[in-house]
Amino acid sequence: MADVDLYGERDETACPPLATSEAQFLQIWDPEIKRAAKARARGRINPGYEADELAQRARIKLMHLYRAGKSQAVGYVRTAIANAMSAPVPQDRALAQAQEITVELPAAPEAEHDHYASAVVTRWVRTLPSQFQSTYRLLYVQDMTQREVAVRMRRTQPRVAQLHRSLILMAANDLRRLAA
């Protein structure tokens, strides 16, 4: 409630007036509901949406309490508000909202094929020992995984990974010299 003590903190002992109608009951507790919902939703992906969702849950819970003739004691009502907000917010609506926000990205420009670079790499691969040529061809030309290459070459996957690392290091050294 809006009552504060001498130190500016919320007075937990202040009792709101007893409500005589459901609407009045909700009106009395609405500021408390909004404060709790904002605090609970702070730091979330979509805090405004989640705070509204949590506040609505608490209002529905309080309507049920009032209709059932439950206690209007401050501690009982605050616990009911906290319990109503403790369950996670259904993400289907939050995700639907997030999916509505789309950003149109420009289409990626078509990669221009550099024939000269391809010719240099092809010539370089021909100078390699046969196991490196096979590794290059299977990994980069046939687009196989290291596991598939290992089966094809009858090697272990760690050995193919080692060959691949060596191939990359050789390419970095040899092709850097060719580019200079």
N, C-alpha and C. Protein backbone atom coordinates (compact mmCIF):
# COMPACT_ATOMS: atom_id res chain seq x y z
N MET A 1 0.84 -1.17 0.00
CA MET A 1 0.00 0.00 0.00
C MET A 1 0.88 1.24 0.00
N ALA A 2 0.29 2.39 -0.06
CA ALA A 2 1.03 3.63 -0.17
C ALA A 2 1.50 4.15 1.18
N ASP A 3 1.12 3.53 2.30
CA ASP A 3 1.52 3.98 3.61
C ASP A 3 3.00 3.75 3.82
N VAL A 4 3.69 4.77 4.37
CA VAL A 4 5.11 4.64 4.64
C VAL A 4 5.36 5.00 6.09
N ASP A 5 6.45 4.46 6.64
CA ASP A 5 6.80 4.78 8.01
C ASP A 5 7.67 6.03 8.04
N LEU A 6 8.22 6.35 9.21
CA LEU A 6 9.02 7.56 9.36
C LEU A 6 10.29 7.55 8.53
N TYR A 7 10.75 6.37 8.13
CA TYR A 7 11.99 6.26 7.37
C TYR A 7 11.76 6.19 5.87
N GLY A 8 10.55 6.37 5.43
CA GLY A 8 10.22 6.36 4.01
C GLY A 8 10.03 4.98 3.44
N GLU A 9 10.03 3.96 4.29
CA GLU A 9 9.83 2.59 3.81
C GLU A 9 8.36 2.22 3.93
N ARG A 10 7.97 1.22 3.18
CA ARG A 10 6.59 0.78 3.19
C ARG A 10 6.23 0.25 4.57
N ASP A 11 5.10 0.66 5.09
CA ASP A 11 4.64 0.22 6.40
C ASP A 11 3.88 -1.08 6.24
N GLU A 12 4.51 -2.18 6.68
CA GLU A 12 3.91 -3.50 6.53
C GLU A 12 2.69 -3.69 7.42
N THR A 13 2.55 -2.87 8.45
CA THR A 13 1.45 -3.07 9.38
C THR A 13 0.19 -2.31 8.97
N ALA A 14 0.31 -1.43 7.96
CA ALA A 14 -0.85 -0.65 7.54
C ALA A 14 -1.89 -1.57 6.93
N CYS A 15 -3.10 -1.45 7.36
CA CYS A 15 -4.18 -2.29 6.85
C CYS A 15 -5.06 -1.48 5.92
N PRO A 16 -5.28 -1.98 4.72
CA PRO A 16 -6.19 -1.27 3.82
C PRO A 16 -7.61 -1.44 4.33
N PRO A 17 -8.48 -0.54 3.92
CA PRO A 17 -9.88 -0.69 4.34
C PRO A 17 -10.47 -1.97 3.75
N LEU A 18 -11.41 -2.56 4.42
CA LEU A 18 -12.07 -3.74 3.90
C LEU A 18 -12.90 -3.35 2.69
N ALA A 19 -12.79 -4.15 1.67
CA ALA A 19 -13.51 -3.88 0.43
C ALA A 19 -14.94 -4.38 0.55
N THR A 20 -15.84 -3.62 -0.06
CA THR A 20 -17.25 -4.03 -0.07
C THR A 20 -17.67 -4.56 -1.42
N SER A 21 -16.75 -4.47 -2.41
CA SER A 21 -17.05 -5.03 -3.73
C SER A 21 -15.76 -5.57 -4.34
N GLU A 22 -15.94 -6.39 -5.35
CA GLU A 22 -14.78 -6.96 -6.05
C GLU A 22 -13.95 -5.87 -6.70
N ALA A 23 -14.60 -4.93 -7.34
CA ALA A 23 -13.90 -3.84 -8.01
C ALA A 23 -13.10 -3.01 -7.00
N GLN A 24 -13.69 -2.74 -5.85
CA GLN A 24 -13.01 -1.97 -4.82
C GLN A 24 -11.81 -2.75 -4.29
N PHE A 25 -11.98 -4.04 -4.10
CA PHE A 25 -10.89 -4.90 -3.62
C PHE A 25 -9.71 -4.85 -4.59
N LEU A 26 -9.99 -4.97 -5.88
CA LEU A 26 -8.92 -4.90 -6.88
C LEU A 26 -8.31 -3.51 -6.93
N GLN A 27 -9.12 -2.48 -6.78
CA GLN A 27 -8.62 -1.10 -6.82
C GLN A 27 -7.69 -0.84 -5.63
N ILE A 28 -8.03 -1.37 -4.47
CA ILE A 28 -7.19 -1.20 -3.28
C ILE A 28 -5.82 -1.84 -3.48
N TRP A 29 -5.80 -3.03 -4.08
CA TRP A 29 -4.56 -3.79 -4.20
C TRP A 29 -3.82 -3.57 -5.52
N ASP A 30 -4.38 -2.84 -6.46
CA ASP A 30 -3.75 -2.67 -7.77
C ASP A 30 -2.36 -2.02 -7.70
N PRO A 31 -2.14 -0.96 -6.90
CA PRO A 31 -0.78 -0.41 -6.84
C PRO A 31 0.25 -1.44 -6.35
N GLU A 32 -0.14 -2.26 -5.38
CA GLU A 32 0.75 -3.31 -4.87
C GLU A 32 1.03 -4.35 -5.97
N ILE A 33 0.01 -4.69 -6.72
CA ILE A 33 0.16 -5.66 -7.81
C ILE A 33 1.12 -5.11 -8.86
N LYS A 34 0.93 -3.87 -9.27
CA LYS A 34 1.79 -3.27 -10.30
C LYS A 34 3.25 -3.21 -9.84
N ARG A 35 3.47 -2.80 -8.58
CA ARG A 35 4.82 -2.71 -8.04
C ARG A 35 5.50 -4.08 -8.04
N ALA A 36 4.77 -5.07 -7.57
CA ALA A 36 5.34 -6.42 -7.51
C ALA A 36 5.61 -6.97 -8.91
N ALA A 37 4.72 -6.70 -9.85
CA ALA A 37 4.91 -7.20 -11.22
C ALA A 37 6.12 -6.56 -11.88
N LYS A 38 6.29 -5.25 -11.69
CA LYS A 38 7.46 -4.57 -12.27
C LYS A 38 8.75 -5.10 -11.67
N ALA A 39 8.74 -5.32 -10.36
CA ALA A 39 9.94 -5.85 -9.70
C ALA A 39 10.26 -7.25 -10.20
N ARG A 40 9.26 -8.08 -10.38
CA ARG A 40 9.45 -9.46 -10.81
C ARG A 40 9.94 -9.52 -12.27
N ALA A 41 9.45 -8.60 -13.11
CA ALA A 41 9.78 -8.64 -14.54
C ALA A 41 11.07 -7.90 -14.87
N ARG A 42 11.66 -7.20 -13.92
CA ARG A 42 12.87 -6.43 -14.17
C ARG A 42 13.98 -7.34 -14.66
N GLY A 43 14.66 -6.93 -15.72
CA GLY A 43 15.76 -7.70 -16.26
C GLY A 43 15.36 -8.80 -17.21
N ARG A 44 14.11 -8.92 -17.54
CA ARG A 44 13.66 -9.96 -18.47
C ARG A 44 13.79 -9.46 -19.90
N ILE A 45 13.55 -10.34 -20.87
CA ILE A 45 13.68 -9.99 -22.28
C ILE A 45 12.68 -8.91 -22.67
N ASN A 46 11.44 -9.07 -22.25
CA ASN A 46 10.39 -8.12 -22.60
C ASN A 46 9.67 -7.71 -21.30
N PRO A 47 10.31 -6.84 -20.48
CA PRO A 47 9.79 -6.58 -19.15
C PRO A 47 8.39 -5.95 -19.13
N GLY A 48 8.07 -5.08 -20.06
CA GLY A 48 6.75 -4.46 -20.08
C GLY A 48 5.65 -5.48 -20.28
N TYR A 49 5.85 -6.34 -21.25
CA TYR A 49 4.87 -7.39 -21.53
C TYR A 49 4.74 -8.34 -20.34
N GLU A 50 5.87 -8.79 -19.80
CA GLU A 50 5.82 -9.75 -18.70
C GLU A 50 5.23 -9.13 -17.44
N ALA A 51 5.50 -7.85 -17.17
CA ALA A 51 4.92 -7.19 -16.00
C ALA A 51 3.40 -7.14 -16.12
N ASP A 52 2.91 -6.81 -17.31
CA ASP A 52 1.45 -6.79 -17.52
C ASP A 52 0.85 -8.17 -17.35
N GLU A 53 1.53 -9.18 -17.87
CA GLU A 53 1.04 -10.56 -17.77
C GLU A 53 1.00 -11.01 -16.31
N LEU A 54 2.06 -10.70 -15.56
CA LEU A 54 2.11 -11.07 -14.15
C LEU A 54 1.05 -10.33 -13.33
N ALA A 55 0.87 -9.04 -13.62
CA ALA A 55 -0.14 -8.25 -12.91
C ALA A 55 -1.54 -8.81 -13.18
N GLN A 56 -1.79 -9.20 -14.41
CA GLN A 56 -3.11 -9.75 -14.74
C GLN A 56 -3.35 -11.07 -14.00
N ARG A 57 -2.32 -11.89 -13.89
CA ARG A 57 -2.44 -13.13 -13.14
C ARG A 57 -2.82 -12.85 -11.68
N ALA A 58 -2.15 -11.85 -11.09
CA ALA A 58 -2.42 -11.51 -9.69
C ALA A 58 -3.84 -10.98 -9.53
N ARG A 59 -4.30 -10.16 -10.47
CA ARG A 59 -5.67 -9.64 -10.39
C ARG A 59 -6.69 -10.78 -10.44
N ILE A 60 -6.46 -11.73 -11.32
CA ILE A 60 -7.37 -12.87 -11.43
C ILE A 60 -7.37 -13.67 -10.13
N LYS A 61 -6.19 -13.87 -9.56
CA LYS A 61 -6.10 -14.60 -8.29
C LYS A 61 -6.87 -13.86 -7.20
N LEU A 62 -6.74 -12.54 -7.14
CA LEU A 62 -7.45 -11.77 -6.11
C LEU A 62 -8.97 -11.80 -6.34
N MET A 63 -9.38 -11.81 -7.60
CA MET A 63 -10.82 -11.93 -7.87
C MET A 63 -11.35 -13.26 -7.32
N HIS A 64 -10.59 -14.33 -7.53
CA HIS A 64 -11.00 -15.64 -7.01
C HIS A 64 -11.05 -15.62 -5.49
N LEU A 65 -10.06 -14.98 -4.87
CA LEU A 65 -10.06 -14.90 -3.40
C LEU A 65 -11.30 -14.17 -2.88
N TYR A 66 -11.59 -13.05 -3.51
CA TYR A 66 -12.73 -12.24 -3.06
C TYR A 66 -14.03 -13.02 -3.24
N ARG A 67 -14.19 -13.64 -4.40
CA ARG A 67 -15.42 -14.38 -4.68
C ARG A 67 -15.59 -15.57 -3.74
N ALA A 68 -14.46 -16.15 -3.32
CA ALA A 68 -14.53 -17.30 -2.41
C ALA A 68 -14.71 -16.87 -0.96
N GLY A 69 -14.71 -15.56 -0.71
CA GLY A 69 -14.89 -15.05 0.65
C GLY A 69 -13.68 -15.26 1.53
N LYS A 70 -12.49 -15.34 0.93
CA LYS A 70 -11.26 -15.56 1.69
C LYS A 70 -10.88 -14.30 2.46
N SER A 71 -9.91 -14.45 3.31
CA SER A 71 -9.44 -13.36 4.16
C SER A 71 -8.91 -12.21 3.33
N GLN A 72 -9.11 -11.00 3.85
CA GLN A 72 -8.56 -9.81 3.22
C GLN A 72 -7.37 -9.29 4.02
N ALA A 73 -6.81 -10.13 4.87
CA ALA A 73 -5.65 -9.73 5.67
C ALA A 73 -4.48 -9.41 4.76
N VAL A 74 -3.70 -8.40 5.14
CA VAL A 74 -2.60 -7.90 4.32
C VAL A 74 -1.62 -9.01 3.97
N GLY A 75 -1.16 -9.75 4.95
CA GLY A 75 -0.19 -10.81 4.69
C GLY A 75 -0.72 -11.89 3.77
N TYR A 76 -1.98 -12.25 3.95
CA TYR A 76 -2.59 -13.29 3.12
C TYR A 76 -2.69 -12.83 1.67
N VAL A 77 -3.12 -11.58 1.48
CA VAL A 77 -3.28 -11.06 0.11
C VAL A 77 -1.93 -10.90 -0.56
N ARG A 78 -0.93 -10.40 0.18
CA ARG A 78 0.42 -10.24 -0.41
C ARG A 78 1.00 -11.60 -0.80
N THR A 79 0.78 -12.59 0.01
CA THR A 79 1.25 -13.95 -0.32
C THR A 79 0.55 -14.47 -1.57
N ALA A 80 -0.74 -14.19 -1.68
CA ALA A 80 -1.49 -14.63 -2.86
C ALA A 80 -0.95 -13.94 -4.11
N ILE A 81 -0.63 -12.65 -4.00
CA ILE A 81 -0.06 -11.91 -5.14
C ILE A 81 1.28 -12.53 -5.53
N ALA A 82 2.13 -12.77 -4.54
CA ALA A 82 3.46 -13.36 -4.83
C ALA A 82 3.32 -14.74 -5.46
N ASN A 83 2.41 -15.55 -4.94
CA ASN A 83 2.21 -16.89 -5.50
C ASN A 83 1.69 -16.84 -6.93
N ALA A 84 0.82 -15.89 -7.21
CA ALA A 84 0.28 -15.77 -8.57
C ALA A 84 1.38 -15.40 -9.56
N MET A 85 2.39 -14.69 -9.08
CA MET A 85 3.47 -14.24 -9.96
C MET A 85 4.65 -15.21 -9.98
N SER A 86 4.61 -16.25 -9.18
CA SER A 86 5.77 -17.13 -9.09
C SER A 86 5.90 -18.08 -10.27
N ALA A 87 4.81 -18.43 -10.90
CA ALA A 87 4.88 -19.33 -12.06
C ALA A 87 5.46 -18.56 -13.25
N PRO A 88 6.20 -19.24 -14.10
CA PRO A 88 6.78 -18.54 -15.26
C PRO A 88 5.71 -18.05 -16.22
N VAL A 89 6.04 -16.94 -16.89
CA VAL A 89 5.12 -16.38 -17.89
C VAL A 89 5.13 -17.29 -19.11
N PRO A 90 3.95 -17.64 -19.63
CA PRO A 90 3.94 -18.46 -20.85
C PRO A 90 4.69 -17.75 -21.96
N GLN A 91 5.64 -18.45 -22.54
CA GLN A 91 6.49 -17.82 -23.54
C GLN A 91 5.89 -17.80 -24.94
N ASP A 92 4.80 -18.52 -25.16
CA ASP A 92 4.25 -18.56 -26.51
C ASP A 92 3.82 -17.18 -26.96
N ARG A 93 3.17 -16.42 -26.08
CA ARG A 93 2.77 -15.07 -26.48
C ARG A 93 3.96 -14.14 -26.57
N ALA A 94 4.91 -14.29 -25.65
CA ALA A 94 6.11 -13.46 -25.70
C ALA A 94 6.90 -13.74 -26.96
N LEU A 95 7.00 -15.02 -27.33
CA LEU A 95 7.71 -15.37 -28.56
C LEU A 95 6.97 -14.87 -29.79
N ALA A 96 5.66 -14.94 -29.75
CA ALA A 96 4.87 -14.43 -30.88
C ALA A 96 5.13 -12.94 -31.06
N GLN A 97 5.19 -12.20 -29.95
CA GLN A 97 5.49 -10.78 -30.05
C GLN A 97 6.89 -10.55 -30.60
N ALA A 98 7.85 -11.33 -30.12
CA ALA A 98 9.23 -11.17 -30.57
C ALA A 98 9.35 -11.51 -32.05
N GLN A 99 8.57 -12.48 -32.52
CA GLN A 99 8.64 -12.85 -33.92
C GLN A 99 8.01 -11.80 -34.82
N GLU A 100 7.11 -11.00 -34.27
CA GLU A 100 6.52 -9.92 -35.06
C GLU A 100 7.54 -8.84 -35.37
N ILE A 101 8.54 -8.71 -34.50
CA ILE A 101 9.58 -7.72 -34.70
C ILE A 101 10.66 -8.35 -35.57
N THR A 102 10.60 -8.08 -36.84
CA THR A 102 11.59 -8.65 -37.74
C THR A 102 12.37 -7.52 -38.40
N VAL A 103 13.58 -7.79 -38.68
CA VAL A 103 14.43 -6.83 -39.34
C VAL A 103 14.75 -7.37 -40.71
N GLU A 104 14.48 -6.59 -41.71
CA GLU A 104 14.79 -7.00 -43.07
C GLU A 104 16.25 -6.70 -43.36
N LEU A 105 17.02 -7.73 -43.58
CA LEU A 105 18.42 -7.56 -43.91
C LEU A 105 18.58 -7.59 -45.42
N PRO A 106 19.50 -6.80 -45.93
CA PRO A 106 19.72 -6.85 -47.37
C PRO A 106 20.26 -8.22 -47.76
N ALA A 107 19.92 -8.64 -48.94
CA ALA A 107 20.38 -9.94 -49.42
C ALA A 107 21.90 -9.91 -49.54
N ALA A 108 22.51 -11.01 -49.18
CA ALA A 108 23.97 -11.10 -49.27
C ALA A 108 24.38 -11.06 -50.73
N PRO A 109 25.39 -10.28 -51.02
CA PRO A 109 25.83 -10.23 -52.42
C PRO A 109 26.37 -11.59 -52.84
N GLU A 110 26.12 -11.95 -54.07
CA GLU A 110 26.62 -13.22 -54.59
C GLU A 110 28.14 -13.21 -54.55
N ALA A 111 28.68 -14.26 -53.98
CA ALA A 111 30.13 -14.35 -53.89
C ALA A 111 30.71 -14.47 -55.29
N GLU A 112 31.62 -13.56 -55.58
CA GLU A 112 32.25 -13.61 -56.89
C GLU A 112 33.34 -14.68 -56.84
N HIS A 113 33.31 -15.54 -57.79
CA HIS A 113 34.29 -16.61 -57.83
C HIS A 113 35.59 -16.05 -58.38
N ASP A 114 36.63 -16.16 -57.59
CA ASP A 114 37.93 -15.67 -58.00
C ASP A 114 38.69 -16.82 -58.67
N HIS A 115 38.67 -16.80 -59.99
CA HIS A 115 39.29 -17.89 -60.76
C HIS A 115 40.80 -17.96 -60.55
N TYR A 116 41.42 -16.81 -60.40
CA TYR A 116 42.87 -16.81 -60.20
C TYR A 116 43.22 -17.50 -58.88
N ALA A 117 42.49 -17.15 -57.80
CA ALA A 117 42.76 -17.76 -56.49
C ALA A 117 42.50 -19.26 -56.53
N SER A 118 41.44 -19.67 -57.21
CA SER A 118 41.15 -21.10 -57.34
C SER A 118 42.27 -21.82 -58.07
N ALA A 119 42.78 -21.21 -59.10
CA ALA A 119 43.87 -21.83 -59.86
C ALA A 119 45.13 -21.95 -58.99
N VAL A 120 45.42 -20.92 -58.18
CA VAL A 120 46.59 -20.95 -57.31
C VAL A 120 46.45 -22.07 -56.28
N VAL A 121 45.26 -22.18 -55.67
CA VAL A 121 45.03 -23.21 -54.66
C VAL A 121 45.10 -24.60 -55.29
N THR A 122 44.53 -24.76 -56.49
CA THR A 122 44.56 -26.06 -57.17
C THR A 122 46.00 -26.47 -57.45
N ARG A 123 46.82 -25.51 -57.93
CA ARG A 123 48.22 -25.83 -58.19
C ARG A 123 48.94 -26.18 -56.89
N TRP A 124 48.64 -25.47 -55.83
CA TRP A 124 49.28 -25.73 -54.54
C TRP A 124 48.90 -27.13 -54.02
N VAL A 125 47.63 -27.51 -54.14
CA VAL A 125 47.18 -28.82 -53.66
C VAL A 125 47.90 -29.94 -54.41
N ARG A 126 48.17 -29.75 -55.69
CA ARG A 126 48.86 -30.78 -56.47
C ARG A 126 50.28 -31.02 -55.99
N THR A 127 50.87 -30.03 -55.30
CA THR A 127 52.24 -30.19 -54.82
C THR A 127 52.30 -30.93 -53.47
N LEU A 128 51.15 -31.16 -52.86
CA LEU A 128 51.09 -31.80 -51.54
C LEU A 128 51.23 -33.31 -51.64
N PRO A 129 51.67 -33.96 -50.54
CA PRO A 129 51.66 -35.43 -50.50
C PRO A 129 50.23 -35.95 -50.66
N SER A 130 50.10 -37.18 -51.09
CA SER A 130 48.78 -37.73 -51.45
C SER A 130 47.78 -37.72 -50.29
N GLN A 131 48.22 -38.00 -49.04
CA GLN A 131 47.25 -38.02 -47.95
C GLN A 131 46.67 -36.63 -47.68
N PHE A 132 47.49 -35.58 -47.90
CA PHE A 132 46.98 -34.22 -47.74
C PHE A 132 46.06 -33.83 -48.89
N GLN A 133 46.41 -34.29 -50.09
CA GLN A 133 45.52 -34.04 -51.24
C GLN A 133 44.16 -34.68 -51.00
N SER A 134 44.17 -35.92 -50.53
CA SER A 134 42.91 -36.62 -50.26
C SER A 134 42.12 -35.92 -49.18
N THR A 135 42.81 -35.50 -48.13
CA THR A 135 42.14 -34.80 -47.03
C THR A 135 41.49 -33.52 -47.55
N TYR A 136 42.24 -32.73 -48.33
CA TYR A 136 41.71 -31.49 -48.89
C TYR A 136 40.49 -31.77 -49.76
N ARG A 137 40.64 -32.72 -50.69
CA ARG A 137 39.55 -33.01 -51.63
C ARG A 137 38.28 -33.45 -50.90
N LEU A 138 38.42 -34.34 -49.91
CA LEU A 138 37.24 -34.85 -49.20
C LEU A 138 36.61 -33.77 -48.32
N LEU A 139 37.44 -32.98 -47.64
CA LEU A 139 36.89 -31.97 -46.73
C LEU A 139 36.31 -30.75 -47.48
N TYR A 140 37.04 -30.26 -48.45
CA TYR A 140 36.65 -28.99 -49.08
C TYR A 140 35.94 -29.11 -50.41
N VAL A 141 36.28 -30.11 -51.19
CA VAL A 141 35.62 -30.27 -52.49
C VAL A 141 34.33 -31.07 -52.34
N GLN A 142 34.44 -32.21 -51.62
CA GLN A 142 33.26 -33.05 -51.44
C GLN A 142 32.47 -32.70 -50.19
N ASP A 143 32.94 -31.74 -49.40
CA ASP A 143 32.24 -31.19 -48.24
C ASP A 143 31.82 -32.28 -47.24
N MET A 144 32.78 -33.16 -46.91
CA MET A 144 32.52 -34.23 -45.96
C MET A 144 32.96 -33.79 -44.56
N THR A 145 32.42 -34.43 -43.54
CA THR A 145 32.86 -34.17 -42.18
C THR A 145 34.14 -34.94 -41.92
N GLN A 146 34.83 -34.57 -40.84
CA GLN A 146 36.07 -35.29 -40.51
C GLN A 146 35.78 -36.76 -40.20
N ARG A 147 34.66 -37.03 -39.60
CA ARG A 147 34.30 -38.42 -39.31
C ARG A 147 34.11 -39.21 -40.61
N GLU A 148 33.43 -38.61 -41.59
CA GLU A 148 33.22 -39.28 -42.88
C GLU A 148 34.54 -39.49 -43.61
N VAL A 149 35.42 -38.48 -43.51
CA VAL A 149 36.74 -38.60 -44.14
C VAL A 149 37.53 -39.74 -43.48
N ALA A 150 37.43 -39.84 -42.17
CA ALA A 150 38.14 -40.91 -41.45
C ALA A 150 37.69 -42.28 -41.93
N VAL A 151 36.40 -42.45 -42.12
CA VAL A 151 35.89 -43.74 -42.60
C VAL A 151 36.39 -44.00 -44.01
N ARG A 152 36.32 -43.00 -44.88
CA ARG A 152 36.73 -43.15 -46.27
C ARG A 152 38.22 -43.45 -46.39
N MET A 153 39.04 -42.76 -45.55
CA MET A 153 40.49 -42.94 -45.64
C MET A 153 41.00 -44.08 -44.76
N ARG A 154 40.10 -44.71 -44.03
CA ARG A 154 40.46 -45.79 -43.10
C ARG A 154 41.49 -45.31 -42.07
N ARG A 155 41.18 -44.17 -41.49
CA ARG A 155 42.00 -43.58 -40.44
C ARG A 155 41.09 -43.28 -39.26
N THR A 156 41.67 -42.90 -38.15
CA THR A 156 40.85 -42.48 -37.02
C THR A 156 40.48 -41.01 -37.20
N GLN A 157 39.41 -40.60 -36.56
CA GLN A 157 38.99 -39.20 -36.66
C GLN A 157 40.04 -38.25 -36.08
N PRO A 158 40.71 -38.58 -34.96
CA PRO A 158 41.77 -37.69 -34.49
C PRO A 158 42.93 -37.55 -35.49
N ARG A 159 43.21 -38.62 -36.21
CA ARG A 159 44.27 -38.54 -37.24
C ARG A 159 43.85 -37.61 -38.36
N VAL A 160 42.59 -37.68 -38.77
CA VAL A 160 42.09 -36.78 -39.81
C VAL A 160 42.15 -35.33 -39.30
N ALA A 161 41.80 -35.12 -38.04
CA ALA A 161 41.87 -33.77 -37.47
C ALA A 161 43.31 -33.26 -37.48
N GLN A 162 44.25 -34.15 -37.18
CA GLN A 162 45.66 -33.78 -37.21
C GLN A 162 46.10 -33.44 -38.64
N LEU A 163 45.70 -34.25 -39.61
CA LEU A 163 46.01 -33.95 -41.01
C LEU A 163 45.40 -32.61 -41.43
N HIS A 164 44.20 -32.37 -40.99
CA HIS A 164 43.50 -31.12 -41.34
C HIS A 164 44.24 -29.91 -40.76
N ARG A 165 44.65 -30.02 -39.48
CA ARG A 165 45.41 -28.92 -38.86
C ARG A 165 46.71 -28.68 -39.63
N SER A 166 47.41 -29.74 -39.96
CA SER A 166 48.66 -29.60 -40.71
C SER A 166 48.40 -28.97 -42.07
N LEU A 167 47.33 -29.39 -42.72
CA LEU A 167 46.96 -28.84 -44.02
C LEU A 167 46.71 -27.34 -43.92
N ILE A 168 46.02 -26.91 -42.89
CA ILE A 168 45.72 -25.49 -42.71
C ILE A 168 47.01 -24.70 -42.47
N LEU A 169 47.90 -25.24 -41.63
CA LEU A 169 49.17 -24.56 -41.36
C LEU A 169 50.02 -24.46 -42.63
N MET A 170 50.08 -25.54 -43.39
CA MET A 170 50.84 -25.50 -44.65
C MET A 170 50.23 -24.48 -45.61
N ALA A 171 48.91 -24.46 -45.69
CA ALA A 171 48.24 -23.51 -46.58
C ALA A 171 48.55 -22.08 -46.16
N ALA A 172 48.52 -21.81 -44.86
CA ALA A 172 48.80 -20.46 -44.38
C ALA A 172 50.21 -20.03 -44.76
N ASN A 173 51.17 -20.94 -44.59
CA ASN A 173 52.56 -20.59 -44.92
C ASN A 173 52.79 -20.50 -46.42
N ASP A 174 52.38 -21.53 -47.15
CA ASP A 174 52.68 -21.60 -48.58
C ASP A 174 51.91 -20.55 -49.38
N LEU A 175 50.62 -20.40 -49.09
CA LEU A 175 49.81 -19.49 -49.89
C LEU A 175 50.12 -18.03 -49.54
N ARG A 176 50.59 -17.76 -48.33
CA ARG A 176 51.00 -16.39 -47.98
C ARG A 176 52.18 -15.98 -48.84
N ARG A 177 53.11 -16.91 -49.04
CA ARG A 177 54.26 -16.62 -49.88
C ARG A 177 53.84 -16.37 -51.32
N LEU A 178 52.87 -17.14 -51.80
CA LEU A 178 52.40 -16.96 -53.18
C LEU A 178 51.65 -15.66 -53.36
N ALA A 179 50.94 -15.21 -52.31
CA ALA A 179 50.17 -13.98 -52.42
C ALA A 179 51.07 -12.75 -52.37
N ALA A 180 52.23 -12.87 -51.76
CA ALA A 180 53.14 -11.71 -51.60
C ALA A 180 53.84 -11.35 -52.86
